[in-house]
């Protein structure tokens, strides 16, 4: 295989992981926002 084929193969293998990490990041951001709102309520 050529280097270009090797790189393409690596990228193809990592795409599902990158997508999954994007979903996790979104959920973590939502959780962080919820915790911020909860903290505001607690301080009131």
PDB file of N, CA and C in Angstrom:
ATOM      1  N   UNK A   1       0.838  -1.192   0.000  1.00  0.00           N
ATOM      2  CA  UNK A   1       0.000   0.000   0.000  1.00  0.00           C
ATOM      3  C   UNK A   1       0.877   1.247   0.000  1.00  0.00           C
ATOM      4  N   UNK A   2       0.324   2.276  -0.565  1.00  0.00           N
ATOM      5  CA  UNK A   2       1.043   3.546  -0.582  1.00  0.00           C
ATOM      6  C   UNK A   2       0.743   4.295   0.708  1.00  0.00           C
ATOM      7  N   UNK A   3       1.502   5.339   0.935  1.00  0.00           N
ATOM      8  CA  UNK A   3       1.272   6.156   2.132  1.00  0.00           C
ATOM      9  C   UNK A   3      -0.117   6.769   2.108  1.00  0.00           C
ATOM     10  N   UNK A   4      -0.549   7.204   0.937  1.00  0.00           N
ATOM     11  CA  UNK A   4      -1.878   7.807   0.810  1.00  0.00           C
ATOM     12  C   UNK A   4      -2.963   6.796   1.190  1.00  0.00           C
ATOM     13  N   UNK A   5      -2.802   5.553   0.770  1.00  0.00           N
ATOM     14  CA  UNK A   5      -3.770   4.521   1.116  1.00  0.00           C
ATOM     15  C   UNK A   5      -3.734   4.232   2.615  1.00  0.00           C
ATOM     16  N   UNK A   6      -2.536   4.204   3.182  1.00  0.00           N
ATOM     17  CA  UNK A   6      -2.401   3.985   4.628  1.00  0.00           C
ATOM     18  C   UNK A   6      -3.106   5.092   5.407  1.00  0.00           C
ATOM     19  N   UNK A   7      -2.884   6.319   4.992  1.00  0.00           N
ATOM     20  CA  UNK A   7      -3.499   7.468   5.670  1.00  0.00           C
ATOM     21  C   UNK A   7      -5.017   7.415   5.521  1.00  0.00           C
ATOM     22  N   UNK A   8      -5.487   7.101   4.335  1.00  0.00           N
ATOM     23  CA  UNK A   8      -6.933   6.995   4.114  1.00  0.00           C
ATOM     24  C   UNK A   8      -7.543   5.908   4.992  1.00  0.00           C
ATOM     25  N   UNK A   9      -6.844   4.801   5.121  1.00  0.00           N
ATOM     26  CA  UNK A   9      -7.328   3.709   5.972  1.00  0.00           C
ATOM     27  C   UNK A   9      -7.404   4.126   7.431  1.00  0.00           C
ATOM     28  N   UNK A  10      -6.397   4.829   7.901  1.00  0.00           N
ATOM     29  CA  UNK A  10      -6.382   5.296   9.290  1.00  0.00           C
ATOM     30  C   UNK A  10      -7.524   6.276   9.531  1.00  0.00           C
ATOM     31  N   UNK A  11      -7.704   7.202   8.617  1.00  0.00           N
ATOM     32  CA  UNK A  11      -8.788   8.183   8.751  1.00  0.00           C
ATOM     33  C   UNK A  11     -10.141   7.473   8.777  1.00  0.00           C
ATOM     34  N   UNK A  12     -10.329   6.508   7.904  1.00  0.00           N
ATOM     35  CA  UNK A  12     -11.598   5.773   7.855  1.00  0.00           C
ATOM     36  C   UNK A  12     -11.854   5.026   9.161  1.00  0.00           C
ATOM     37  N   UNK A  13     -10.801   4.478   9.751  1.00  0.00           N
ATOM     38  CA  UNK A  13     -10.950   3.758  11.015  1.00  0.00           C
ATOM     39  C   UNK A  13     -11.303   4.706  12.155  1.00  0.00           C
ATOM     40  N   UNK A  14     -10.827   5.923  12.104  1.00  0.00           N
ATOM     41  CA  UNK A  14     -11.025   6.870  13.205  1.00  0.00           C
ATOM     42  C   UNK A  14     -12.322   7.667  13.098  1.00  0.00           C
ATOM     43  N   UNK A  15     -12.960   7.656  11.950  1.00  0.00           N
ATOM     44  CA  UNK A  15     -14.192   8.425  11.777  1.00  0.00           C
ATOM     45  C   UNK A  15     -15.272   8.054  12.796  1.00  0.00           C
ATOM     46  N   UNK A  16     -15.557   6.777  13.017  1.00  0.00           N
ATOM     47  CA  UNK A  16     -16.597   6.436  14.002  1.00  0.00           C
ATOM     48  C   UNK A  16     -16.246   6.943  15.409  1.00  0.00           C
ATOM     49  N   UNK A  17     -14.994   6.853  15.766  1.00  0.00           N
ATOM     50  CA  UNK A  17     -14.569   7.331  17.078  1.00  0.00           C
ATOM     51  C   UNK A  17     -14.724   8.838  17.176  1.00  0.00           C
ATOM     52  N   UNK A  18     -14.382   9.548  16.129  1.00  0.00           N
ATOM     53  CA  UNK A  18     -14.514  11.002  16.126  1.00  0.00           C
ATOM     54  C   UNK A  18     -15.986  11.393  16.267  1.00  0.00           C
ATOM     55  N   UNK A  19     -16.867  10.686  15.606  1.00  0.00           N
ATOM     56  CA  UNK A  19     -18.298  10.963  15.697  1.00  0.00           C
ATOM     57  C   UNK A  19     -18.787  10.703  17.123  1.00  0.00           C
ATOM     58  N   UNK A  20     -18.372   9.582  17.686  1.00  0.00           N
ATOM     59  CA  UNK A  20     -18.789   9.238  19.048  1.00  0.00           C
ATOM     60  C   UNK A  20     -18.276  10.274  20.043  1.00  0.00           C
ATOM     61  N   UNK A  21     -17.045  10.724  19.874  1.00  0.00           N
ATOM     62  CA  UNK A  21     -16.490  11.736  20.772  1.00  0.00           C
ATOM     63  C   UNK A  21     -17.237  13.061  20.642  1.00  0.00           C
ATOM     64  N   UNK A  22     -17.682  13.380  19.451  1.00  0.00           N
ATOM     65  CA  UNK A  22     -18.488  14.586  19.255  1.00  0.00           C
ATOM     66  C   UNK A  22     -19.794  14.515  20.031  1.00  0.00           C
ATOM     67  N   UNK A  23     -20.433  13.355  20.008  1.00  0.00           N
ATOM     68  CA  UNK A  23     -21.668  13.164  20.757  1.00  0.00           C
ATOM     69  C   UNK A  23     -21.415  13.270  22.263  1.00  0.00           C
ATOM     70  N   UNK A  24     -20.331  12.699  22.715  1.00  0.00           N
ATOM     71  CA  UNK A  24     -19.983  12.762  24.135  1.00  0.00           C
ATOM     72  C   UNK A  24     -19.719  14.207  24.546  1.00  0.00           C
ATOM     73  N   UNK A  25     -19.010  14.940  23.712  1.00  0.00           N
ATOM     74  CA  UNK A  25     -18.722  16.344  24.010  1.00  0.00           C
ATOM     75  C   UNK A  25     -20.017  17.150  24.131  1.00  0.00           C
ATOM     76  N   UNK A  26     -20.960  16.890  23.248  1.00  0.00           N
ATOM     77  CA  UNK A  26     -22.249  17.586  23.296  1.00  0.00           C
ATOM     78  C   UNK A  26     -22.974  17.275  24.596  1.00  0.00           C
ATOM     79  N   UNK A  27     -22.993  16.009  24.988  1.00  0.00           N
ATOM     80  CA  UNK A  27     -23.661  15.630  26.238  1.00  0.00           C
ATOM     81  C   UNK A  27     -22.976  16.249  27.443  1.00  0.00           C
ATOM     82  N   UNK A  28     -21.655  16.299  27.421  1.00  0.00           N
ATOM     83  CA  UNK A  28     -20.933  16.904  28.536  1.00  0.00           C
ATOM     84  C   UNK A  28     -21.202  18.405  28.629  1.00  0.00           C
ATOM     85  N   UNK A  29     -21.284  19.070  27.501  1.00  0.00           N
ATOM     86  CA  UNK A  29     -21.605  20.498  27.505  1.00  0.00           C
ATOM     87  C   UNK A  29     -22.998  20.742  28.074  1.00  0.00           C
ATOM     88  N   UNK A  30     -23.949  19.902  27.696  1.00  0.00           N
ATOM     89  CA  UNK A  30     -25.309  20.016  28.220  1.00  0.00           C
ATOM     90  C   UNK A  30     -25.314  19.790  29.727  1.00  0.00           C
ATOM     91  N   UNK A  31     -24.588  18.804  30.176  1.00  0.00           N
ATOM     92  CA  UNK A  31     -24.492  18.517  31.605  1.00  0.00           C
ATOM     93  C   UNK A  31     -23.861  19.686  32.357  1.00  0.00           C
ATOM     94  N   UNK A  32     -22.829  20.263  31.792  1.00  0.00           N
ATOM     95  CA  UNK A  32     -22.156  21.407  32.410  1.00  0.00           C
ATOM     96  C   UNK A  32     -23.123  22.584  32.545  1.00  0.00           C
ATOM     97  N   UNK A  33     -23.898  22.831  31.528  1.00  0.00           N
ATOM     98  CA  UNK A  33     -24.890  23.912  31.578  1.00  0.00           C
ATOM     99  C   UNK A  33     -25.938  23.628  32.649  1.00  0.00           C
ATOM    100  N   UNK A  34     -26.378  22.399  32.739  1.00  0.00           N
ATOM    101  CA  UNK A  34     -27.362  22.024  33.752  1.00  0.00           C
ATOM    102  C   UNK A  34     -26.797  22.202  35.151  1.00  0.00           C
ATOM    103  N   UNK A  35     -25.564  21.823  35.334  1.00  0.00           N
ATOM    104  CA  UNK A  35     -24.925  22.002  36.637  1.00  0.00           C
ATOM    105  C   UNK A  35     -24.781  23.480  36.985  1.00  0.00           C
ATOM    106  N   UNK A  36     -24.504  24.296  35.999  1.00  0.00           N
ATOM    107  CA  UNK A  36     -24.415  25.738  36.222  1.00  0.00           C
ATOM    108  C   UNK A  36     -25.746  26.306  36.675  1.00  0.00           C
ATOM    109  N   UNK A  37     -26.827  25.876  36.015  1.00  0.00           N
ATOM    110  CA  UNK A  37     -28.162  26.337  36.418  1.00  0.00           C
ATOM    111  C   UNK A  37     -28.511  25.846  37.820  1.00  0.00           C
ATOM    112  N   UNK A  38     -28.157  24.622  38.122  1.00  0.00           N
ATOM    113  CA  UNK A  38     -28.401  24.062  39.447  1.00  0.00           C
ATOM    114  C   UNK A  38     -27.636  24.843  40.519  1.00  0.00           C
ATOM    115  N   UNK A  39     -26.412  25.212  40.220  1.00  0.00           N
ATOM    116  CA  UNK A  39     -25.607  26.005  41.153  1.00  0.00           C
ATOM    117  C   UNK A  39     -26.248  27.370  41.384  1.00  0.00           C
ATOM    118  N   UNK A  40     -26.761  27.979  40.335  1.00  0.00           N
ATOM    119  CA  UNK A  40     -27.441  29.271  40.478  1.00  0.00           C
ATOM    120  C   UNK A  40     -28.659  29.143  41.383  1.00  0.00           C
ATOM    121  N   UNK A  41     -29.423  28.081  41.190  1.00  0.00           N
ATOM    122  CA  UNK A  41     -30.597  27.838  42.037  1.00  0.00           C
ATOM    123  C   UNK A  41     -30.186  27.609  43.485  1.00  0.00           C
ATOM    124  N   UNK A  42     -29.101  26.880  43.680  1.00  0.00           N
ATOM    125  CA  UNK A  42     -28.627  26.587  45.033  1.00  0.00           C
ATOM    126  C   UNK A  42     -28.217  27.881  45.742  1.00  0.00           C
ATOM    127  N   UNK A  43     -27.609  28.805  45.020  1.00  0.00           N
ATOM    128  CA  UNK A  43     -27.159  30.046  45.624  1.00  0.00           C
ATOM    129  C   UNK A  43     -28.334  30.955  45.971  1.00  0.00           C
ATOM    130  N   UNK A  44     -29.456  30.794  45.282  1.00  0.00           N
ATOM    131  CA  UNK A  44     -30.645  31.600  45.599  1.00  0.00           C
ATOM    132  C   UNK A  44     -31.255  31.041  46.838  1.00  0.00           C
TER     133      UNK A  44
END
